[in-house]
C-alpha atoms as a PDB file:
ATOM      1  CA  UNK A   1      53.364  63.945  99.428  1.00  0.00           C
ATOM      2  CA  UNK A   2      56.480  65.398 101.092  1.00  0.00           C
ATOM      3  CA  UNK A   3      59.752  63.604 101.585  1.00  0.00           C
ATOM      4  CA  UNK A   4      60.875  63.098 105.181  1.00  0.00           C
ATOM      5  CA  UNK A   5      63.897  65.159 106.068  1.00  0.00           C
ATOM      6  CA  UNK A   6      66.848  64.318 108.240  1.00  0.00           C
ATOM      7  CA  UNK A   7      67.095  65.912 111.671  1.00  0.00           C
ATOM      8  CA  UNK A   8      69.068  69.145 111.742  1.00  0.00           C
ATOM      9  CA  UNK A   9      71.121  70.599 114.581  1.00  0.00           C
ATOM     10  CA  UNK A  10      69.931  73.622 116.531  1.00  0.00           C
ATOM     11  CA  UNK A  11      73.001  75.622 117.619  1.00  0.00           C
ATOM     12  CA  UNK A  12      73.007  77.190 121.065  1.00  0.00           C
ATOM     13  CA  UNK A  13      75.401  79.644 122.723  1.00  0.00           C
ATOM     14  CA  UNK A  14      77.996  76.909 123.273  1.00  0.00           C
ATOM     15  CA  UNK A  15      77.829  75.175 119.874  1.00  0.00           C
ATOM     16  CA  UNK A  16      77.175  78.174 117.629  1.00  0.00           C
ATOM     17  CA  UNK A  17      80.887  78.668 116.799  1.00  0.00           C
ATOM     18  CA  UNK A  18      81.190  75.052 115.684  1.00  0.00           C
ATOM     19  CA  UNK A  19      78.139  75.230 113.399  1.00  0.00           C
ATOM     20  CA  UNK A  20      79.136  78.655 112.003  1.00  0.00           C
ATOM     21  CA  UNK A  21      82.494  77.206 110.954  1.00  0.00           C
ATOM     22  CA  UNK A  22      80.867  74.129 109.410  1.00  0.00           C
ATOM     23  CA  UNK A  23      78.511  76.317 107.351  1.00  0.00           C
ATOM     24  CA  UNK A  24      81.679  78.086 106.110  1.00  0.00           C
ATOM     25  CA  UNK A  25      83.102  74.637 105.170  1.00  0.00           C
ATOM     26  CA  UNK A  26      85.774  74.734 107.904  1.00  0.00           C
ATOM     27  CA  UNK A  27      86.045  72.316 110.808  1.00  0.00           C
ATOM     28  CA  UNK A  28      86.755  74.256 114.011  1.00  0.00           C
ATOM     29  CA  UNK A  29      87.053  72.659 117.434  1.00  0.00           C
ATOM     30  CA  UNK A  30      87.052  74.316 120.857  1.00  0.00           C
ATOM     31  CA  UNK A  31      90.510  74.835 122.335  1.00  0.00           C
ATOM     32  CA  UNK A  32      91.313  75.805 125.909  1.00  0.00           C
ATOM     33  CA  UNK A  33      93.426  78.930 126.391  1.00  0.00           C
ATOM     34  CA  UNK A  34      94.756  77.634 129.724  1.00  0.00           C
ATOM     35  CA  UNK A  35      95.989  74.144 128.784  1.00  0.00           C
ATOM     36  CA  UNK A  36      95.830  74.195 124.937  1.00  0.00           C
ATOM     37  CA  UNK A  37      93.746  71.006 124.803  1.00  0.00           C
ATOM     38  CA  UNK A  38      91.119  70.614 122.120  1.00  0.00           C
ATOM     39  CA  UNK A  39      87.608  69.799 123.330  1.00  0.00           C
ATOM     40  CA  UNK A  40      84.762  68.144 121.429  1.00  0.00           C
ATOM     41  CA  UNK A  41      81.779  68.044 121.915  1.00  0.00           C
ATOM     42  CA  UNK A  42      81.624  71.745 122.792  1.00  0.00           C
ATOM     43  CA  UNK A  43      81.180  72.623 126.452  1.00  0.00           C
ATOM     44  CA  UNK A  44      81.254  75.594 128.839  1.00  0.00           C
ATOM     45  CA  UNK A  45      84.513  74.569 130.520  1.00  0.00           C
ATOM     46  CA  UNK A  46      87.549  72.518 129.580  1.00  0.00           C
ATOM     47  CA  UNK A  47      87.148  68.907 130.729  1.00  0.00           C
ATOM     48  CA  UNK A  48      90.941  68.625 131.134  1.00  0.00           C
ATOM     49  CA  UNK A  49      91.664  71.619 133.391  1.00  0.00           C
ATOM     50  CA  UNK A  50      88.346  73.328 134.106  1.00  0.00           C
ATOM     51  CA  UNK A  51      89.354  76.480 132.234  1.00  0.00           C
ATOM     52  CA  UNK A  52      86.509  78.664 130.995  1.00  0.00           C
ATOM     53  CA  UNK A  53      88.344  80.368 128.115  1.00  0.00           C
ATOM     54  CA  UNK A  54      87.440  78.182 125.151  1.00  0.00           C
ATOM     55  CA  UNK A  55      87.663  79.433 121.587  1.00  0.00           C
ATOM     56  CA  UNK A  56      87.041  77.711 118.270  1.00  0.00           C
ATOM     57  CA  UNK A  57      90.163  76.978 116.239  1.00  0.00           C
ATOM     58  CA  UNK A  58      90.311  75.492 112.721  1.00  0.00           C
ATOM     59  CA  UNK A  59      91.676  71.951 112.479  1.00  0.00           C
ATOM     60  CA  UNK A  60      92.783  69.873 109.498  1.00  0.00           C
ATOM     61  CA  UNK A  61      89.714  67.638 109.310  1.00  0.00           C
ATOM     62  CA  UNK A  62      91.963  64.594 108.940  1.00  0.00           C
ATOM     63  CA  UNK A  63      91.721  61.620 111.235  1.00  0.00           C
ATOM     64  CA  UNK A  64      91.537  57.870 111.563  1.00  0.00           C
ATOM     65  CA  UNK A  65      88.575  55.608 112.126  1.00  0.00           C
ATOM     66  CA  UNK A  66      88.616  54.858 115.856  1.00  0.00           C
ATOM     67  CA  UNK A  67      85.415  52.798 115.796  1.00  0.00           C
ATOM     68  CA  UNK A  68      82.379  52.352 113.584  1.00  0.00           C
ATOM     69  CA  UNK A  69      78.991  50.738 113.271  1.00  0.00           C
ATOM     70  CA  UNK A  70      76.749  49.926 110.352  1.00  0.00           C
ATOM     71  CA  UNK A  71      73.038  50.685 110.459  1.00  0.00           C
ATOM     72  CA  UNK A  72      71.068  48.299 108.275  1.00  0.00           C
ATOM     73  CA  UNK A  73      67.768  49.883 109.249  1.00  0.00           C
ATOM     74  CA  UNK A  74      67.092  53.604 108.936  1.00  0.00           C
ATOM     75  CA  UNK A  75      67.124  55.371 112.337  1.00  0.00           C
ATOM     76  CA  UNK A  76      64.350  57.641 111.049  1.00  0.00           C
ATOM     77  CA  UNK A  77      62.358  58.332 107.873  1.00  0.00           C
ATOM     78  CA  UNK A  78      64.887  60.872 106.555  1.00  0.00           C
ATOM     79  CA  UNK A  79      67.595  58.193 106.454  1.00  0.00           C
ATOM     80  CA  UNK A  80      65.622  55.615 104.440  1.00  0.00           C
ATOM     81  CA  UNK A  81      67.669  56.090 101.267  1.00  0.00           C
ATOM     82  CA  UNK A  82      71.018  56.015 103.068  1.00  0.00           C
ATOM     83  CA  UNK A  83      71.119  52.458 104.447  1.00  0.00           C
ATOM     84  CA  UNK A  84      73.343  50.694 104.968  1.00  0.00           C
ATOM     85  CA  UNK A  85      74.687  53.729 106.811  1.00  0.00           C
ATOM     86  CA  UNK A  86      78.258  53.635 108.097  1.00  0.00           C
ATOM     87  CA  UNK A  87      78.652  55.758 111.228  1.00  0.00           C
ATOM     88  CA  UNK A  88      82.247  56.373 112.305  1.00  0.00           C
ATOM     89  CA  UNK A  89      83.968  57.625 115.416  1.00  0.00           C
ATOM     90  CA  UNK A  90      86.990  59.529 114.115  1.00  0.00           C
ATOM     91  CA  UNK A  91      90.066  60.422 116.142  1.00  0.00           C
ATOM     92  CA  UNK A  92      91.272  63.732 114.730  1.00  0.00           C
ATOM     93  CA  UNK A  93      95.038  64.001 114.126  1.00  0.00           C
ATOM     94  CA  UNK A  94      95.388  67.165 116.193  1.00  0.00           C
ATOM     95  CA  UNK A  95      95.223  65.325 119.529  1.00  0.00           C
ATOM     96  CA  UNK A  96      94.995  61.775 120.851  1.00  0.00           C
ATOM     97  CA  UNK A  97      91.485  61.108 122.142  1.00  0.00           C
ATOM     98  CA  UNK A  98      89.912  63.989 120.187  1.00  0.00           C
ATOM     99  CA  UNK A  99      86.879  62.111 118.883  1.00  0.00           C
ATOM    100  CA  UNK A 100      84.069  63.080 116.565  1.00  0.00           C
ATOM    101  CA  UNK A 101      81.068  61.042 115.374  1.00  0.00           C
ATOM    102  CA  UNK A 102      79.756  61.371 111.816  1.00  0.00           C
ATOM    103  CA  UNK A 103      78.634  59.415 108.789  1.00  0.00           C
ATOM    104  CA  UNK A 104      81.143  57.925 106.363  1.00  0.00           C
ATOM    105  CA  UNK A 105      80.222  59.054 102.861  1.00  0.00           C
ATOM    106  CA  UNK A 106      80.908  57.096  99.691  1.00  0.00           C
ATOM    107  CA  UNK A 107      81.847  53.857 101.439  1.00  0.00           C
ATOM    108  CA  UNK A 108      79.990  50.695 102.235  1.00  0.00           C
ATOM    109  CA  UNK A 109      80.328  48.375 105.213  1.00  0.00           C
ATOM    110  CA  UNK A 110      83.046  46.322 103.503  1.00  0.00           C
ATOM    111  CA  UNK A 111      85.184  49.404 102.785  1.00  0.00           C
ATOM    112  CA  UNK A 112      85.699  50.720 106.322  1.00  0.00           C
ATOM    113  CA  UNK A 113      88.384  49.518 108.750  1.00  0.00           C
ATOM    114  CA  UNK A 114      89.613  50.633 112.169  1.00  0.00           C
ATOM    115  CA  UNK A 115      92.649  52.860 111.537  1.00  0.00           C
ATOM    116  CA  UNK A 116      91.526  53.903 108.038  1.00  0.00           C
ATOM    117  CA  UNK A 117      92.512  57.479 107.225  1.00  0.00           C
ATOM    118  CA  UNK A 118      89.590  59.838 106.617  1.00  0.00           C
ATOM    119  CA  UNK A 119      89.092  63.484 105.666  1.00  0.00           C
ATOM    120  CA  UNK A 120      86.208  65.743 106.587  1.00  0.00           C
ATOM    121  CA  UNK A 121      83.688  66.521 103.890  1.00  0.00           C
ATOM    122  CA  UNK A 122      80.848  68.995 104.236  1.00  0.00           C
ATOM    123  CA  UNK A 123      77.437  67.687 103.259  1.00  0.00           C
ATOM    124  CA  UNK A 124      74.707  70.218 102.541  1.00  0.00           C
ATOM    125  CA  UNK A 125      71.470  68.545 103.589  1.00  0.00           C
ATOM    126  CA  UNK A 126      69.293  71.636 103.186  1.00  0.00           C
ATOM    127  CA  UNK A 127      69.671  75.296 102.267  1.00  0.00           C
ATOM    128  CA  UNK A 128      70.320  76.126 105.898  1.00  0.00           C
ATOM    129  CA  UNK A 129      72.162  73.040 107.118  1.00  0.00           C
ATOM    130  CA  UNK A 130      75.650  71.721 106.447  1.00  0.00           C
ATOM    131  CA  UNK A 131      76.993  68.707 108.322  1.00  0.00           C
ATOM    132  CA  UNK A 132      80.597  67.601 108.795  1.00  0.00           C
ATOM    133  CA  UNK A 133      80.906  64.031 107.525  1.00  0.00           C
ATOM    134  CA  UNK A 134      83.944  61.958 106.586  1.00  0.00           C
ATOM    135  CA  UNK A 135      85.214  60.193 103.488  1.00  0.00           C
ATOM    136  CA  UNK A 136      88.004  57.641 103.151  1.00  0.00           C
ATOM    137  CA  UNK A 137      91.204  59.503 102.236  1.00  0.00           C
ATOM    138  CA  UNK A 138      93.224  58.963  99.114  1.00  0.00           C
ATOM    139  CA  UNK A 139      96.428  57.724 100.738  1.00  0.00           C
END
């Protein structure tokens, strides 16, 4: 009997730079050369100015919990051992409104609060897949 695995991302031409950086244990976010705004999720053009010169730039990986939800039922077989699963929307410190969705590791539903400071942590879920997740920061 095999254990169900979690879904893994499939990078494309637009997201490949993001996933390459994550595999190297660095969080890099697209930044527009024209207006200097960060952009996540990755796209072909800057949503702020329409510029097409977007490059990945390392960021601190620090942010605050902007919103969150708790999943009491596994969203798929690969998540069965992870419930309750705390999923957070994190506003990265580099720019107001720069949001990223991920799991909150090492914390239960009673531990998370809006505004809590978090740091990125890289979770290796298979030999070929690393995911950026967050953990409550030691403040």
